[in-house]
Amino acid sequence: MQQWSGPLPPPEAIERYEVAVSGAARAILEMAVKNNENRISLEQREMSIREGELVLDQRDMGIREFSEKLGLVLTCINRGYSV
């Protein structure tokens, strides 16, 4: 049994598949193309999710800063300072 890594078997193996089953080479290439397209799609979705998380993190940071400033103002008012 021969093993290989990567999206495609070596050309010699593809030739042997084609000899054994007519159309196998085309099927193998189409499968590799579909797998590559799927991988790219998943990577793009992952990037979109990460970008969305970054936006949420920035929004949370803004809310946190606003809350801290509001707390400071309310503390000053409660202690009788003019703001």
PDB file of N, CA and C in Angstrom:
ATOM      1  N   MET A   1       0.844  -1.178   0.000  1.00  0.00           N
ATOM      2  CA  MET A   1       0.000   0.000   0.000  1.00  0.00           C
ATOM      3  C   MET A   1       0.888   1.240   0.000  1.00  0.00           C
ATOM      4  N   GLN A   2       0.569   2.166  -0.871  1.00  0.00           N
ATOM      5  CA  GLN A   2       1.341   3.400  -0.987  1.00  0.00           C
ATOM      6  C   GLN A   2       0.601   4.515  -0.267  1.00  0.00           C
ATOM      7  N   GLN A   3       1.353   5.367   0.423  1.00  0.00           N
ATOM      8  CA  GLN A   3       0.761   6.523   1.104  1.00  0.00           C
ATOM      9  C   GLN A   3       1.436   7.792   0.605  1.00  0.00           C
ATOM     10  N   TRP A   4       0.692   8.885   0.680  1.00  0.00           N
ATOM     11  CA  TRP A   4       1.244  10.179   0.295  1.00  0.00           C
ATOM     12  C   TRP A   4       0.517  11.253   1.081  1.00  0.00           C
ATOM     13  N   SER A   5       1.090  12.432   1.092  1.00  0.00           N
ATOM     14  CA  SER A   5       0.425  13.550   1.758  1.00  0.00           C
ATOM     15  C   SER A   5       0.145  14.618   0.721  1.00  0.00           C
ATOM     16  N   GLY A   6      -0.849  15.410   0.990  1.00  0.00           N
ATOM     17  CA  GLY A   6      -1.224  16.463   0.052  1.00  0.00           C
ATOM     18  C   GLY A   6      -2.558  16.169  -0.590  1.00  0.00           C
ATOM     19  N   PRO A   7      -3.031  17.095  -1.390  1.00  0.00           N
ATOM     20  CA  PRO A   7      -4.367  16.951  -1.963  1.00  0.00           C
ATOM     21  C   PRO A   7      -4.463  15.916  -3.080  1.00  0.00           C
ATOM     22  N   LEU A   8      -3.340  15.604  -3.703  1.00  0.00           N
ATOM     23  CA  LEU A   8      -3.363  14.677  -4.837  1.00  0.00           C
ATOM     24  C   LEU A   8      -2.331  13.576  -4.674  1.00  0.00           C
ATOM     25  N   PRO A   9      -2.668  12.392  -5.170  1.00  0.00           N
ATOM     26  CA  PRO A   9      -1.641  11.348  -5.211  1.00  0.00           C
ATOM     27  C   PRO A   9      -0.616  11.691  -6.286  1.00  0.00           C
ATOM     28  N   PRO A  10       0.529  11.032  -6.270  1.00  0.00           N
ATOM     29  CA  PRO A  10       1.520  11.296  -7.309  1.00  0.00           C
ATOM     30  C   PRO A  10       0.974  10.900  -8.684  1.00  0.00           C
ATOM     31  N   PRO A  11       1.495  11.502  -9.742  1.00  0.00           N
ATOM     32  CA  PRO A  11       0.996  11.237 -11.096  1.00  0.00           C
ATOM     33  C   PRO A  11       0.950   9.746 -11.445  1.00  0.00           C
ATOM     34  N   GLU A  12       1.948   8.980 -10.990  1.00  0.00           N
ATOM     35  CA  GLU A  12       1.958   7.549 -11.308  1.00  0.00           C
ATOM     36  C   GLU A  12       0.750   6.847 -10.714  1.00  0.00           C
ATOM     37  N   ALA A  13       0.369   7.234  -9.499  1.00  0.00           N
ATOM     38  CA  ALA A  13      -0.799   6.621  -8.860  1.00  0.00           C
ATOM     39  C   ALA A  13      -2.077   7.013  -9.598  1.00  0.00           C
ATOM     40  N   ILE A  14      -2.163   8.267 -10.017  1.00  0.00           N
ATOM     41  CA  ILE A  14      -3.344   8.706 -10.771  1.00  0.00           C
ATOM     42  C   ILE A  14      -3.447   7.906 -12.068  1.00  0.00           C
ATOM     43  N   GLU A  15      -2.318   7.692 -12.717  1.00  0.00           N
ATOM     44  CA  GLU A  15      -2.326   6.888 -13.955  1.00  0.00           C
ATOM     45  C   GLU A  15      -2.850   5.484 -13.691  1.00  0.00           C
ATOM     46  N   ARG A  16      -2.387   4.867 -12.607  1.00  0.00           N
ATOM     47  CA  ARG A  16      -2.839   3.505 -12.285  1.00  0.00           C
ATOM     48  C   ARG A  16      -4.336   3.482 -12.003  1.00  0.00           C
ATOM     49  N   TYR A  17      -4.844   4.503 -11.302  1.00  0.00           N
ATOM     50  CA  TYR A  17      -6.289   4.570 -11.051  1.00  0.00           C
ATOM     51  C   TYR A  17      -7.048   4.682 -12.370  1.00  0.00           C
ATOM     52  N   GLU A  18      -6.552   5.517 -13.263  1.00  0.00           N
ATOM     53  CA  GLU A  18      -7.218   5.728 -14.551  1.00  0.00           C
ATOM     54  C   GLU A  18      -7.233   4.434 -15.369  1.00  0.00           C
ATOM     55  N   VAL A  19      -6.145   3.682 -15.319  1.00  0.00           N
ATOM     56  CA  VAL A  19      -6.099   2.404 -16.040  1.00  0.00           C
ATOM     57  C   VAL A  19      -7.108   1.432 -15.432  1.00  0.00           C
ATOM     58  N   ALA A  20      -7.197   1.429 -14.102  1.00  0.00           N
ATOM     59  CA  ALA A  20      -8.111   0.501 -13.424  1.00  0.00           C
ATOM     60  C   ALA A  20      -9.569   0.900 -13.609  1.00  0.00           C
ATOM     61  N   VAL A  21      -9.855   2.202 -13.548  1.00  0.00           N
ATOM     62  CA  VAL A  21     -11.231   2.700 -13.655  1.00  0.00           C
ATOM     63  C   VAL A  21     -11.217   3.925 -14.553  1.00  0.00           C
ATOM     64  N   SER A  22     -11.840   3.803 -15.703  1.00  0.00           N
ATOM     65  CA  SER A  22     -11.894   4.920 -16.638  1.00  0.00           C
ATOM     66  C   SER A  22     -12.608   6.109 -15.992  1.00  0.00           C
ATOM     67  N   GLY A  23     -11.999   7.282 -16.064  1.00  0.00           N
ATOM     68  CA  GLY A  23     -12.583   8.495 -15.486  1.00  0.00           C
ATOM     69  C   GLY A  23     -12.122   8.770 -14.059  1.00  0.00           C
ATOM     70  N   ALA A  24     -11.333   7.843 -13.497  1.00  0.00           N
ATOM     71  CA  ALA A  24     -10.881   8.012 -12.110  1.00  0.00           C
ATOM     72  C   ALA A  24      -9.981   9.240 -11.962  1.00  0.00           C
ATOM     73  N   ALA A  25      -9.125   9.501 -12.933  1.00  0.00           N
ATOM     74  CA  ALA A  25      -8.223  10.653 -12.844  1.00  0.00           C
ATOM     75  C   ALA A  25      -9.015  11.950 -12.761  1.00  0.00           C
ATOM     76  N   ARG A  26     -10.026  12.081 -13.605  1.00  0.00           N
ATOM     77  CA  ARG A  26     -10.866  13.290 -13.581  1.00  0.00           C
ATOM     78  C   ARG A  26     -11.591  13.410 -12.232  1.00  0.00           C
ATOM     79  N   ALA A  27     -12.099  12.293 -11.747  1.00  0.00           N
ATOM     80  CA  ALA A  27     -12.814  12.311 -10.461  1.00  0.00           C
ATOM     81  C   ALA A  27     -11.888  12.732  -9.324  1.00  0.00           C
ATOM     82  N   ILE A  28     -10.651  12.233  -9.354  1.00  0.00           N
ATOM     83  CA  ILE A  28      -9.678  12.593  -8.320  1.00  0.00           C
ATOM     84  C   ILE A  28      -9.365  14.087  -8.383  1.00  0.00           C
ATOM     85  N   LEU A  29      -9.155  14.612  -9.581  1.00  0.00           N
ATOM     86  CA  LEU A  29      -8.860  16.045  -9.728  1.00  0.00           C
ATOM     87  C   LEU A  29     -10.046  16.902  -9.299  1.00  0.00           C
ATOM     88  N   GLU A  30     -11.262  16.497  -9.669  1.00  0.00           N
ATOM     89  CA  GLU A  30     -12.452  17.259  -9.269  1.00  0.00           C
ATOM     90  C   GLU A  30     -12.615  17.245  -7.753  1.00  0.00           C
ATOM     91  N   MET A  31     -12.337  16.091  -7.136  1.00  0.00           N
ATOM     92  CA  MET A  31     -12.431  15.998  -5.687  1.00  0.00           C
ATOM     93  C   MET A  31     -11.413  16.933  -5.027  1.00  0.00           C
ATOM     94  N   ALA A  32     -10.200  16.979  -5.564  1.00  0.00           N
ATOM     95  CA  ALA A  32      -9.171  17.862  -5.006  1.00  0.00           C
ATOM     96  C   ALA A  32      -9.586  19.326  -5.141  1.00  0.00           C
ATOM     97  N   VAL A  33     -10.161  19.698  -6.279  1.00  0.00           N
ATOM     98  CA  VAL A  33     -10.619  21.071  -6.489  1.00  0.00           C
ATOM     99  C   VAL A  33     -11.729  21.416  -5.500  1.00  0.00           C
ATOM    100  N   LYS A  34     -12.698  20.508  -5.339  1.00  0.00           N
ATOM    101  CA  LYS A  34     -13.805  20.765  -4.395  1.00  0.00           C
ATOM    102  C   LYS A  34     -13.288  20.881  -2.967  1.00  0.00           C
ATOM    103  N   ASN A  35     -12.354  20.018  -2.595  1.00  0.00           N
ATOM    104  CA  ASN A  35     -11.787  20.103  -1.244  1.00  0.00           C
ATOM    105  C   ASN A  35     -11.076  21.431  -1.034  1.00  0.00           C
ATOM    106  N   ASN A  36     -10.358  21.894  -2.033  1.00  0.00           N
ATOM    107  CA  ASN A  36      -9.659  23.170  -1.932  1.00  0.00           C
ATOM    108  C   ASN A  36     -10.652  24.331  -1.822  1.00  0.00           C
ATOM    109  N   GLU A  37     -11.707  24.294  -2.616  1.00  0.00           N
ATOM    110  CA  GLU A  37     -12.732  25.343  -2.549  1.00  0.00           C
ATOM    111  C   GLU A  37     -13.386  25.356  -1.167  1.00  0.00           C
ATOM    112  N   ASN A  38     -13.660  24.164  -0.626  1.00  0.00           N
ATOM    113  CA  ASN A  38     -14.274  24.065   0.691  1.00  0.00           C
ATOM    114  C   ASN A  38     -13.343  24.621   1.765  1.00  0.00           C
ATOM    115  N   ARG A  39     -12.054  24.302   1.669  1.00  0.00           N
ATOM    116  CA  ARG A  39     -11.076  24.801   2.638  1.00  0.00           C
ATOM    117  C   ARG A  39     -11.020  26.323   2.602  1.00  0.00           C
ATOM    118  N   ILE A  40     -11.006  26.891   1.395  1.00  0.00           N
ATOM    119  CA  ILE A  40     -10.976  28.349   1.242  1.00  0.00           C
ATOM    120  C   ILE A  40     -12.233  28.969   1.844  1.00  0.00           C
ATOM    121  N   SER A  41     -13.380  28.362   1.576  1.00  0.00           N
ATOM    122  CA  SER A  41     -14.642  28.868   2.118  1.00  0.00           C
ATOM    123  C   SER A  41     -14.626  28.850   3.645  1.00  0.00           C
ATOM    124  N   LEU A  42     -14.148  27.755   4.224  1.00  0.00           N
ATOM    125  CA  LEU A  42     -14.070  27.663   5.686  1.00  0.00           C
ATOM    126  C   LEU A  42     -13.121  28.711   6.255  1.00  0.00           C
ATOM    127  N   GLU A  43     -11.998  28.932   5.593  1.00  0.00           N
ATOM    128  CA  GLU A  43     -11.045  29.943   6.059  1.00  0.00           C
ATOM    129  C   GLU A  43     -11.657  31.345   5.988  1.00  0.00           C
ATOM    130  N   GLN A  44     -12.432  31.604   4.931  1.00  0.00           N
ATOM    131  CA  GLN A  44     -13.079  32.918   4.811  1.00  0.00           C
ATOM    132  C   GLN A  44     -14.118  33.105   5.908  1.00  0.00           C
ATOM    133  N   ARG A  45     -14.883  32.050   6.212  1.00  0.00           N
ATOM    134  CA  ARG A  45     -15.864  32.142   7.298  1.00  0.00           C
ATOM    135  C   ARG A  45     -15.175  32.379   8.634  1.00  0.00           C
ATOM    136  N   GLU A  46     -14.069  31.680   8.859  1.00  0.00           N
ATOM    137  CA  GLU A  46     -13.326  31.853  10.099  1.00  0.00           C
ATOM    138  C   GLU A  46     -12.818  33.291  10.220  1.00  0.00           C
ATOM    139  N   MET A  47     -12.327  33.854   9.116  1.00  0.00           N
ATOM    140  CA  MET A  47     -11.861  35.244   9.137  1.00  0.00           C
ATOM    141  C   MET A  47     -13.016  36.191   9.456  1.00  0.00           C
ATOM    142  N   SER A  48     -14.192  35.948   8.872  1.00  0.00           N
ATOM    143  CA  SER A  48     -15.348  36.792   9.140  1.00  0.00           C
ATOM    144  C   SER A  48     -15.741  36.720  10.607  1.00  0.00           C
ATOM    145  N   ILE A  49     -15.696  35.519  11.167  1.00  0.00           N
ATOM    146  CA  ILE A  49     -16.033  35.359  12.589  1.00  0.00           C
ATOM    147  C   ILE A  49     -15.034  36.112  13.447  1.00  0.00           C
ATOM    148  N   ARG A  50     -13.766  35.993  13.124  1.00  0.00           N
ATOM    149  CA  ARG A  50     -12.734  36.699  13.903  1.00  0.00           C
ATOM    150  C   ARG A  50     -12.886  38.205  13.787  1.00  0.00           C
ATOM    151  N   GLU A  51     -13.237  38.698  12.594  1.00  0.00           N
ATOM    152  CA  GLU A  51     -13.458  40.137  12.424  1.00  0.00           C
ATOM    153  C   GLU A  51     -14.645  40.582  13.263  1.00  0.00           C
ATOM    154  N   GLY A  52     -15.703  39.766  13.293  1.00  0.00           N
ATOM    155  CA  GLY A  52     -16.873  40.082  14.117  1.00  0.00           C
ATOM    156  C   GLY A  52     -16.524  40.101  15.592  1.00  0.00           C
ATOM    157  N   GLU A  53     -15.695  39.163  16.024  1.00  0.00           N
ATOM    158  CA  GLU A  53     -15.267  39.140  17.425  1.00  0.00           C
ATOM    159  C   GLU A  53     -14.454  40.384  17.761  1.00  0.00           C
ATOM    160  N   LEU A  54     -13.632  40.838  16.834  1.00  0.00           N
ATOM    161  CA  LEU A  54     -12.833  42.039  17.053  1.00  0.00           C
ATOM    162  C   LEU A  54     -13.744  43.255  17.219  1.00  0.00           C
ATOM    163  N   VAL A  55     -14.779  43.350  16.380  1.00  0.00           N
ATOM    164  CA  VAL A  55     -15.724  44.465  16.490  1.00  0.00           C
ATOM    165  C   VAL A  55     -16.411  44.423  17.853  1.00  0.00           C
ATOM    166  N   LEU A  56     -16.823  43.219  18.286  1.00  0.00           N
ATOM    167  CA  LEU A  56     -17.473  43.104  19.590  1.00  0.00           C
ATOM    168  C   LEU A  56     -16.515  43.476  20.716  1.00  0.00           C
ATOM    169  N   ASP A  57     -15.264  43.057  20.607  1.00  0.00           N
ATOM    170  CA  ASP A  57     -14.271  43.414  21.629  1.00  0.00           C
ATOM    171  C   ASP A  57     -14.098  44.924  21.703  1.00  0.00           C
ATOM    172  N   GLN A  58     -14.047  45.588  20.544  1.00  0.00           N
ATOM    173  CA  GLN A  58     -13.893  47.044  20.526  1.00  0.00           C
ATOM    174  C   GLN A  58     -15.132  47.712  21.123  1.00  0.00           C
ATOM    175  N   ARG A  59     -16.311  47.174  20.814  1.00  0.00           N
ATOM    176  CA  ARG A  59     -17.546  47.737  21.358  1.00  0.00           C
ATOM    177  C   ARG A  59     -17.568  47.564  22.877  1.00  0.00           C
ATOM    178  N   ASP A  60     -17.181  46.378  23.341  1.00  0.00           N
ATOM    179  CA  ASP A  60     -17.131  46.133  24.782  1.00  0.00           C
ATOM    180  C   ASP A  60     -16.168  47.090  25.467  1.00  0.00           C
ATOM    181  N   MET A  61     -15.024  47.355  24.810  1.00  0.00           N
ATOM    182  CA  MET A  61     -14.045  48.263  25.377  1.00  0.00           C
ATOM    183  C   MET A  61     -14.643  49.669  25.488  1.00  0.00           C
ATOM    184  N   GLY A  62     -15.386  50.092  24.468  1.00  0.00           N
ATOM    185  CA  GLY A  62     -16.021  51.411  24.497  1.00  0.00           C
ATOM    186  C   GLY A  62     -17.058  51.508  25.594  1.00  0.00           C
ATOM    187  N   ILE A  63     -17.841  50.447  25.756  1.00  0.00           N
ATOM    188  CA  ILE A  63     -18.864  50.433  26.814  1.00  0.00           C
ATOM    189  C   ILE A  63     -18.190  50.467  28.181  1.00  0.00           C
ATOM    190  N   ARG A  64     -17.110  49.713  28.324  1.00  0.00           N
ATOM    191  CA  ARG A  64     -16.381  49.679  29.597  1.00  0.00           C
ATOM    192  C   ARG A  64     -15.830  51.063  29.930  1.00  0.00           C
ATOM    193  N   GLU A  65     -15.234  51.731  28.948  1.00  0.00           N
ATOM    194  CA  GLU A  65     -14.688  53.077  29.186  1.00  0.00           C
ATOM    195  C   GLU A  65     -15.793  54.058  29.552  1.00  0.00           C
ATOM    196  N   PHE A  66     -16.919  53.974  28.853  1.00  0.00           N
ATOM    197  CA  PHE A  66     -18.042  54.856  29.152  1.00  0.00           C
ATOM    198  C   PHE A  66     -18.547  54.611  30.572  1.00  0.00           C
ATOM    199  N   SER A  67     -18.667  53.341  30.948  1.00  0.00           N
ATOM    200  CA  SER A  67     -19.153  52.999  32.286  1.00  0.00           C
ATOM    201  C   SER A  67     -18.219  53.526  33.364  1.00  0.00           C
ATOM    202  N   GLU A  68     -16.910  53.401  33.118  1.00  0.00           N
ATOM    203  CA  GLU A  68     -15.936  53.904  34.092  1.00  0.00           C
ATOM    204  C   GLU A  68     -16.051  55.419  34.250  1.00  0.00           C
ATOM    205  N   LYS A  69     -16.177  56.134  33.134  1.00  0.00           N
ATOM    206  CA  LYS A  69     -16.294  57.586  33.185  1.00  0.00           C
ATOM    207  C   LYS A  69     -17.600  58.008  33.851  1.00  0.00           C
ATOM    208  N   LEU A  70     -18.680  57.303  33.534  1.00  0.00           N
ATOM    209  CA  LEU A  70     -19.972  57.604  34.150  1.00  0.00           C
ATOM    210  C   LEU A  70     -19.904  57.360  35.651  1.00  0.00           C
ATOM    211  N   GLY A  71     -19.251  56.267  36.036  1.00  0.00           N
ATOM    212  CA  GLY A  71     -19.097  55.978  37.465  1.00  0.00           C
ATOM    213  C   GLY A  71     -18.316  57.063  38.173  1.00  0.00           C
ATOM    214  N   LEU A  72     -17.278  57.575  37.526  1.00  0.00           N
ATOM    215  CA  LEU A  72     -16.478  58.649  38.110  1.00  0.00           C
ATOM    216  C   LEU A  72     -17.313  59.927  38.273  1.00  0.00           C
ATOM    217  N   VAL A  73     -18.075  60.272  37.242  1.00  0.00           N
ATOM    218  CA  VAL A  73     -18.928  61.467  37.299  1.00  0.00           C
ATOM    219  C   VAL A  73     -19.972  61.321  38.402  1.00  0.00           C
ATOM    220  N   LEU A  74     -20.612  60.154  38.487  1.00  0.00           N
ATOM    221  CA  LEU A  74     -21.645  59.947  39.500  1.00  0.00           C
ATOM    222  C   LEU A  74     -21.043  59.976  40.901  1.00  0.00           C
ATOM    223  N   THR A  75     -19.846  59.450  41.064  1.00  0.00           N
ATOM    224  CA  THR A  75     -19.162  59.491  42.359  1.00  0.00           C
ATOM    225  C   THR A  75     -18.874  60.935  42.766  1.00  0.00           C
ATOM    226  N   CYS A  76     -18.405  61.716  41.786  1.00  0.00           N
ATOM    227  CA  CYS A  76     -18.123  63.134  42.064  1.00  0.00           C
ATOM    228  C   CYS A  76     -19.399  63.867  42.466  1.00  0.00           C
ATOM    229  N   ILE A  77     -20.479  63.639  41.735  1.00  0.00           N
ATOM    230  CA  ILE A  77     -21.753  64.291  42.046  1.00  0.00           C
ATOM    231  C   ILE A  77     -22.228  63.861  43.427  1.00  0.00           C
ATOM    232  N   ASN A  78     -22.112  62.568  43.719  1.00  0.00           N
ATOM    233  CA  ASN A  78     -22.571  62.040  45.014  1.00  0.00           C
ATOM    234  C   ASN A  78     -21.763  62.640  46.171  1.00  0.00           C
ATOM    235  N   ARG A  79     -20.516  62.991  45.926  1.00  0.00           N
ATOM    236  CA  ARG A  79     -19.676  63.555  46.987  1.00  0.00           C
ATOM    237  C   ARG A  79     -19.778  65.095  47.042  1.00  0.00           C
ATOM    238  N   GLY A  80     -20.605  65.648  46.179  1.00  0.00           N
ATOM    239  CA  GLY A  80     -20.848  67.078  46.227  1.00  0.00           C
ATOM    240  C   GLY A  80     -19.934  67.923  45.366  1.00  0.00           C
ATOM    241  N   TYR A  81     -19.135  67.305  44.516  1.00  0.00           N
ATOM    242  CA  TYR A  81     -18.289  68.084  43.604  1.00  0.00           C
ATOM    243  C   TYR A  81     -19.113  68.536  42.422  1.00  0.00           C
ATOM    244  N   SER A  82     -18.775  69.711  41.886  1.00  0.00           N
ATOM    245  CA  SER A  82     -19.460  70.149  40.674  1.00  0.00           C
ATOM    246  C   SER A  82     -18.707  69.575  39.485  1.00  0.00           C
ATOM    247  N   VAL A  83     -19.449  69.123  38.547  1.00  0.00           N
ATOM    248  CA  VAL A  83     -18.838  68.469  37.388  1.00  0.00           C
ATOM    249  C   VAL A  83     -18.957  69.345  36.165  1.00  0.00           C
TER     250      VAL A  83
END
